[in-house]
């Protein structure tokens, strides 16, 4: 399955013909990078090892639930993918994830058991990235071109062109629409969770997704 949308959520491409939904979903799944687990030998890997040890101590002292630590570690690949899409740089993405993990650990008491850890971590990562950009006095920008450099070799020239056309169509979307669409489609987050991450209303999320998929279909000549 190329999209990881929750089964209780409507398709983000609802209203488009089924073959168009399938085509857009498949291409999005191909161009958005999937990040492997963390290598223990890297700097981020060493941070994760120390975090694992700290989590075990905290669990033993009943400071955090075991489920918190297990889920936190399990979400690492998704955090790295989200960071990579935002930064376009593997090194910068790992630094961003490292900072996110440190902040999550420092503020672990603020997380309520039973609530959505994915939304909580994604919010920390996104806000950290925006704050870093602000401190550097750079324009708070989107993910233009960030995904293009991660494309693997397509099986044929026609396929490769199709993927770059999808990348171009994504880049042409307004920043807020693109980010919202990717969170809902590729990361499979519920509209309610995306609203928390982006600090907006659920209706705004649905509207952005709807407009984004209509623009994609129009740009790609599929509408």
Protein backbone atom coordinates (compact mmCIF):
# COMPACT_ATOMS: atom_id res chain seq x y z
CA UNK A 1 0.00 0.00 0.00
CA UNK A 2 1.62 3.27 -1.07
CA UNK A 3 -0.43 5.50 1.22
CA UNK A 4 -0.71 4.97 4.94
CA UNK A 5 -3.99 6.78 5.55
CA UNK A 6 -5.89 5.51 8.59
CA UNK A 7 -8.76 3.23 7.70
CA UNK A 8 -11.25 5.48 9.48
CA UNK A 9 -10.15 8.53 7.50
CA UNK A 10 -11.55 9.42 4.08
CA UNK A 11 -9.11 9.25 1.19
CA UNK A 12 -7.24 12.56 0.76
CA UNK A 13 -8.05 12.26 -2.93
CA UNK A 14 -11.74 11.56 -2.47
CA UNK A 15 -13.78 13.00 -5.32
CA UNK A 16 -11.19 12.22 -7.97
CA UNK A 17 -11.59 9.21 -10.27
CA UNK A 18 -10.19 6.04 -8.74
CA UNK A 19 -7.43 5.67 -11.32
CA UNK A 20 -6.33 9.25 -10.63
CA UNK A 21 -6.29 8.59 -6.88
CA UNK A 22 -4.17 5.51 -7.44
CA UNK A 23 -1.73 7.27 -9.76
CA UNK A 24 -1.17 10.30 -7.50
CA UNK A 25 -0.91 8.13 -4.41
CA UNK A 26 1.58 5.79 -6.06
CA UNK A 27 3.81 8.61 -7.28
CA UNK A 28 3.76 10.36 -3.91
CA UNK A 29 4.78 7.12 -2.28
CA UNK A 30 7.72 6.82 -4.67
CA UNK A 31 9.16 10.32 -4.37
CA UNK A 32 8.81 10.85 -0.62
CA UNK A 33 11.84 9.20 1.00
CA UNK A 34 11.51 6.28 3.35
CA UNK A 35 14.25 6.42 5.94
CA UNK A 36 15.91 3.35 7.39
CA UNK A 37 16.50 2.69 11.06
CA UNK A 38 19.32 4.59 12.76
CA UNK A 39 22.84 3.18 12.49
CA UNK A 40 24.33 2.80 15.99
CA UNK A 41 27.69 4.04 14.72
CA UNK A 42 26.38 7.49 13.75
CA UNK A 43 26.11 10.46 16.08
CA UNK A 44 22.33 10.14 16.10
CA UNK A 45 22.72 6.42 16.74
CA UNK A 46 24.81 7.14 19.82
CA UNK A 47 22.15 9.55 21.06
CA UNK A 48 19.50 6.87 20.59
CA UNK A 49 21.59 4.35 22.53
CA UNK A 50 21.91 6.78 25.44
CA UNK A 51 18.21 7.52 25.22
CA UNK A 52 17.38 3.82 25.37
CA UNK A 53 19.45 3.48 28.55
CA UNK A 54 17.81 6.53 30.10
CA UNK A 55 14.37 5.19 29.21
CA UNK A 56 15.13 1.85 30.85
CA UNK A 57 16.20 3.63 34.05
CA UNK A 58 13.11 5.84 33.95
CA UNK A 59 10.87 2.82 33.40
CA UNK A 60 12.48 1.01 36.34
CA UNK A 61 11.80 4.02 38.54
CA UNK A 62 8.28 4.31 37.09
CA UNK A 63 8.93 7.79 35.76
CA UNK A 64 7.64 6.84 32.32
CA UNK A 65 5.53 4.00 30.99
CA UNK A 66 7.27 1.25 29.02
CA UNK A 67 4.91 1.95 26.13
CA UNK A 68 6.27 5.51 25.95
CA UNK A 69 9.85 4.33 25.43
CA UNK A 70 8.91 1.55 23.03
CA UNK A 71 6.82 3.83 20.84
CA UNK A 72 9.37 6.64 20.94
CA UNK A 73 12.09 4.38 19.56
CA UNK A 74 9.73 2.80 17.04
CA UNK A 75 8.85 6.23 15.64
CA UNK A 76 12.46 7.10 14.82
CA UNK A 77 12.25 6.29 11.07
CA UNK A 78 9.13 8.41 10.70
CA UNK A 79 10.74 11.31 12.56
CA UNK A 80 13.78 11.09 10.30
CA UNK A 81 11.64 11.08 7.17
CA UNK A 82 9.64 14.09 8.35
CA UNK A 83 12.88 15.90 9.21
CA UNK A 84 14.42 15.04 5.85
CA UNK A 85 11.40 16.33 3.95
CA UNK A 86 11.57 19.59 5.91
CA UNK A 87 15.33 20.14 5.61
CA UNK A 88 16.39 18.38 2.40
CA UNK A 89 19.66 17.39 4.11
CA UNK A 90 20.36 14.06 5.78
CA UNK A 91 22.87 15.59 8.20
CA UNK A 92 20.58 18.48 9.11
CA UNK A 93 17.66 16.10 9.45
CA UNK A 94 19.54 13.90 11.92
CA UNK A 95 20.54 16.96 13.94
CA UNK A 96 16.91 18.02 14.00
CA UNK A 97 15.78 14.58 15.16
CA UNK A 98 18.49 14.60 17.83
CA UNK A 99 17.25 17.93 19.17
CA UNK A 100 13.66 16.68 19.03
CA UNK A 101 14.52 13.60 21.06
CA UNK A 102 16.38 15.66 23.66
CA UNK A 103 13.44 18.01 24.04
CA UNK A 104 10.98 15.14 24.21
CA UNK A 105 13.07 13.59 26.98
CA UNK A 106 13.37 16.88 28.88
CA UNK A 107 9.62 17.45 28.69
CA UNK A 108 8.52 13.82 29.03
CA UNK A 109 6.41 14.69 32.07
CA UNK A 110 4.21 16.84 29.82
CA UNK A 111 3.19 13.89 27.69
CA UNK A 112 -0.06 12.32 28.82
CA UNK A 113 -0.23 8.54 28.60
CA UNK A 114 -2.86 7.44 26.14
CA UNK A 115 -2.58 10.53 23.94
CA UNK A 116 -0.99 10.62 20.49
CA UNK A 117 2.79 10.43 20.74
CA UNK A 118 3.21 10.84 16.96
CA UNK A 119 1.46 14.22 16.95
CA UNK A 120 3.38 15.32 20.05
CA UNK A 121 6.78 14.45 18.55
CA UNK A 122 5.98 15.83 15.10
CA UNK A 123 4.89 19.09 16.74
CA UNK A 124 8.17 19.33 18.66
CA UNK A 125 10.19 18.62 15.50
CA UNK A 126 8.29 21.10 13.35
CA UNK A 127 8.43 23.89 15.94
CA UNK A 128 12.13 23.23 16.52
CA UNK A 129 12.82 23.55 12.81
CA UNK A 130 10.83 26.77 12.49
CA UNK A 131 12.56 28.27 15.52
CA UNK A 132 15.97 27.36 14.12
CA UNK A 133 15.12 29.08 10.87
CA UNK A 134 13.93 32.17 12.70
CA UNK A 135 17.10 32.37 14.75
CA UNK A 136 19.14 32.26 11.57
CA UNK A 137 16.96 35.08 10.22
CA UNK A 138 16.03 33.07 7.20
CA UNK A 139 12.59 33.11 5.70
CA UNK A 140 10.42 30.35 7.15
CA UNK A 141 10.11 28.36 3.96
CA UNK A 142 8.68 25.07 2.89
CA UNK A 143 10.11 21.86 1.51
CA UNK A 144 10.74 23.06 -2.08
CA UNK A 145 13.10 20.69 -3.78
CA UNK A 146 13.85 18.78 -0.60
CA UNK A 147 12.50 15.54 -1.94
CA UNK A 148 14.00 15.78 -5.42
CA UNK A 149 17.49 14.85 -4.29
CA UNK A 150 16.25 11.66 -2.65
CA UNK A 151 14.74 10.12 -5.76
CA UNK A 152 16.06 6.68 -6.51
CA UNK A 153 16.72 5.65 -10.07
CA UNK A 154 13.49 5.04 -11.90
CA UNK A 155 13.21 1.83 -13.94
CA UNK A 156 12.87 3.77 -17.18
CA UNK A 157 13.13 7.30 -18.52
CA UNK A 158 9.37 7.77 -18.84
CA UNK A 159 8.89 6.75 -15.22
CA UNK A 160 11.68 9.05 -14.08
CA UNK A 161 10.08 11.97 -15.92
CA UNK A 162 6.71 11.18 -14.32
CA UNK A 163 8.28 11.32 -10.85
CA UNK A 164 9.96 14.64 -11.54
CA UNK A 165 6.68 15.98 -12.85
CA UNK A 166 5.08 15.00 -9.56
CA UNK A 167 7.93 16.69 -7.67
CA UNK A 168 7.43 19.84 -9.72
CA UNK A 169 3.69 19.73 -9.06
CA UNK A 170 4.37 19.39 -5.33
CA UNK A 171 6.81 22.31 -5.43
CA UNK A 172 4.17 24.43 -7.14
CA UNK A 173 1.74 23.98 -4.24
CA UNK A 174 1.54 26.66 -1.54
CA UNK A 175 3.76 25.63 1.36
CA UNK A 176 0.94 25.02 3.82
CA UNK A 177 -0.99 22.87 1.36
CA UNK A 178 2.03 20.72 0.52
CA UNK A 179 3.00 20.12 4.13
CA UNK A 180 -0.57 19.30 5.11
CA UNK A 181 -1.02 16.93 2.17
CA UNK A 182 2.18 15.03 2.96
CA UNK A 183 1.33 14.68 6.64
CA UNK A 184 -2.07 13.23 5.78
CA UNK A 185 -1.07 11.03 2.86
CA UNK A 186 2.49 9.84 3.34
CA UNK A 187 2.61 9.83 7.13
CA UNK A 188 -0.99 8.68 7.42
CA UNK A 189 -1.88 11.09 10.23
CA UNK A 190 -5.48 11.80 11.09
CA UNK A 191 -6.85 15.25 10.29
CA UNK A 192 -7.18 15.93 14.01
CA UNK A 193 -3.51 15.12 14.61
CA UNK A 194 -2.35 17.25 11.70
CA UNK A 195 -4.41 20.13 13.08
CA UNK A 196 -2.50 19.82 16.36
CA UNK A 197 0.88 19.71 14.61
CA UNK A 198 0.14 22.71 12.39
CA UNK A 199 -1.77 24.60 15.09
CA UNK A 200 -4.87 25.11 12.97
CA UNK A 201 -8.48 23.95 12.79
CA UNK A 202 -9.46 20.51 11.49
CA UNK A 203 -11.55 22.21 8.84
CA UNK A 204 -8.45 24.06 7.65
CA UNK A 205 -6.59 20.76 7.30
CA UNK A 206 -9.39 19.24 5.22
CA UNK A 207 -9.59 22.35 3.05
CA UNK A 208 -5.83 22.40 2.41
CA UNK A 209 -5.79 18.72 1.49
CA UNK A 210 -8.74 19.14 -0.84
CA UNK A 211 -7.19 22.13 -2.59
CA UNK A 212 -3.80 20.45 -2.81
CA UNK A 213 -5.10 17.31 -4.49
CA UNK A 214 -7.19 19.38 -6.92
CA UNK A 215 -4.12 21.45 -7.84
CA UNK A 216 -2.01 18.32 -8.25
CA UNK A 217 -4.55 16.73 -10.52
CA UNK A 218 -4.88 19.91 -12.58
CA UNK A 219 -1.11 20.46 -12.85
CA UNK A 220 -0.55 16.87 -13.92
CA UNK A 221 -3.39 17.07 -16.44
CA UNK A 222 -5.41 14.42 -14.61
CA UNK A 223 -8.51 16.42 -13.71
